[in-house]
Protein backbone atom coordinates (compact mmCIF):
# COMPACT_ATOMS: atom_id res chain seq x y z
CA UNK A 1 188.51 162.02 161.61
CA UNK A 2 191.36 160.53 160.79
CA UNK A 3 193.96 157.63 160.37
CA UNK A 4 195.74 156.32 163.41
CA UNK A 5 196.35 158.54 166.09
CA UNK A 6 196.11 159.07 170.02
CA UNK A 7 193.99 162.57 168.51
CA UNK A 8 191.55 160.26 167.88
CA UNK A 9 191.22 158.82 171.29
CA UNK A 10 192.13 162.26 173.02
CA UNK A 11 189.08 163.35 171.29
CA UNK A 12 186.81 160.59 172.10
CA UNK A 13 187.74 160.81 175.66
CA UNK A 14 186.63 164.58 174.96
CA UNK A 15 183.37 163.95 174.13
CA UNK A 16 183.51 164.71 170.51
CA UNK A 17 182.66 162.47 167.73
CA UNK A 18 185.22 160.73 166.01
CA UNK A 19 185.70 158.59 162.42
CA UNK A 20 188.59 156.17 161.83
CA UNK A 21 189.57 155.36 158.48
CA UNK A 22 192.18 152.83 159.76
CA UNK A 23 193.52 150.25 162.41
CA UNK A 24 193.91 152.31 165.52
CA UNK A 25 194.86 151.86 169.13
CA UNK A 26 190.87 151.96 169.87
CA UNK A 27 189.64 149.85 167.05
CA UNK A 28 187.14 147.85 168.37
CA UNK A 29 186.35 149.75 171.43
CA UNK A 30 183.31 151.74 170.51
CA UNK A 31 185.06 154.60 171.19
CA UNK A 32 184.31 156.32 167.54
CA UNK A 33 182.90 154.81 164.36
CA UNK A 34 185.05 152.62 162.42
CA UNK A 35 184.31 153.92 158.70
CA UNK A 36 186.34 150.85 157.11
CA UNK A 37 183.29 148.50 159.06
CA UNK A 38 180.56 150.78 158.30
CA UNK A 39 177.80 150.39 155.98
CA UNK A 40 178.32 150.57 152.60
CA UNK A 41 177.20 153.87 152.34
CA UNK A 42 180.05 154.45 154.78
CA UNK A 43 180.15 156.54 158.29
CA UNK A 44 176.87 157.91 159.47
CA UNK A 45 177.10 161.96 159.61
CA UNK A 46 179.19 163.26 162.84
CA UNK A 47 175.83 164.79 164.21
CA UNK A 48 174.72 161.26 164.32
CA UNK A 49 178.09 159.35 166.22
CA UNK A 50 177.61 159.44 170.05
CA UNK A 51 180.93 158.72 172.44
CA UNK A 52 180.54 156.56 175.68
CA UNK A 53 182.30 158.33 178.08
CA UNK A 54 181.96 155.62 180.27
CA UNK A 55 183.29 153.33 178.18
CA UNK A 56 186.29 156.21 176.83
CA UNK A 57 186.78 156.03 180.54
CA UNK A 58 187.10 152.41 180.82
CA UNK A 59 189.45 152.09 177.64
CA UNK A 60 191.77 155.24 179.06
CA UNK A 61 192.26 153.33 182.84
CA UNK A 62 193.46 150.41 180.59
CA UNK A 63 195.99 151.86 178.48
CA UNK A 64 197.03 153.90 181.94
CA UNK A 65 196.89 150.51 183.70
CA UNK A 66 199.28 148.67 180.57
CA UNK A 67 201.47 151.87 180.68
CA UNK A 68 202.22 151.83 184.54
CA UNK A 69 200.99 148.79 186.16
CA UNK A 70 199.04 149.26 189.48
CA UNK A 71 201.28 147.37 191.59
CA UNK A 72 203.97 150.16 190.97
CA UNK A 73 202.03 152.73 191.74
CA UNK A 74 203.65 152.98 194.82
CA UNK A 75 207.06 153.10 193.62
CA UNK A 76 208.26 156.72 193.30
CA UNK A 77 211.25 155.77 190.87
CA UNK A 78 208.91 153.88 188.85
CA UNK A 79 206.37 156.74 188.48
CA UNK A 80 208.98 159.31 187.65
CA UNK A 81 210.33 156.93 184.68
CA UNK A 82 206.91 156.13 183.46
CA UNK A 83 206.81 157.04 179.93
CA UNK A 84 203.29 158.42 180.97
CA UNK A 85 204.87 160.57 183.83
CA UNK A 86 207.06 162.10 181.37
CA UNK A 87 204.23 163.01 179.22
CA UNK A 88 201.96 164.53 181.40
CA UNK A 89 204.79 166.44 182.73
CA UNK A 90 205.36 167.80 179.23
CA UNK A 91 202.19 168.37 178.15
CA UNK A 92 201.96 170.82 181.83
CA UNK A 93 205.03 172.48 181.07
CA UNK A 94 203.57 173.36 177.87
CA UNK A 95 200.21 174.23 178.69
CA UNK A 96 201.72 176.77 181.06
CA UNK A 97 204.22 178.29 178.50
CA UNK A 98 200.66 180.04 177.06
């Protein structure tokens, strides 16, 4: 559960049930339950929340495409300067410390 965080998106991509209580990057994509638009009783129990992994992958592909357009994938300079590359490199370096 959360408000507006990429952790919600990451959790959905990993197949965890997610409930959002605010507008976020993936609002309206079906990746998680939007508690603001749920029934008057509130969001369903987490046991009832299901993630569509195909949809999650499509949303991630779309977000990646926005970060690095397909026509730039063969340009090594564009790749190295992209924010997604920097973040993946930092994440990999962080993982190797543990």
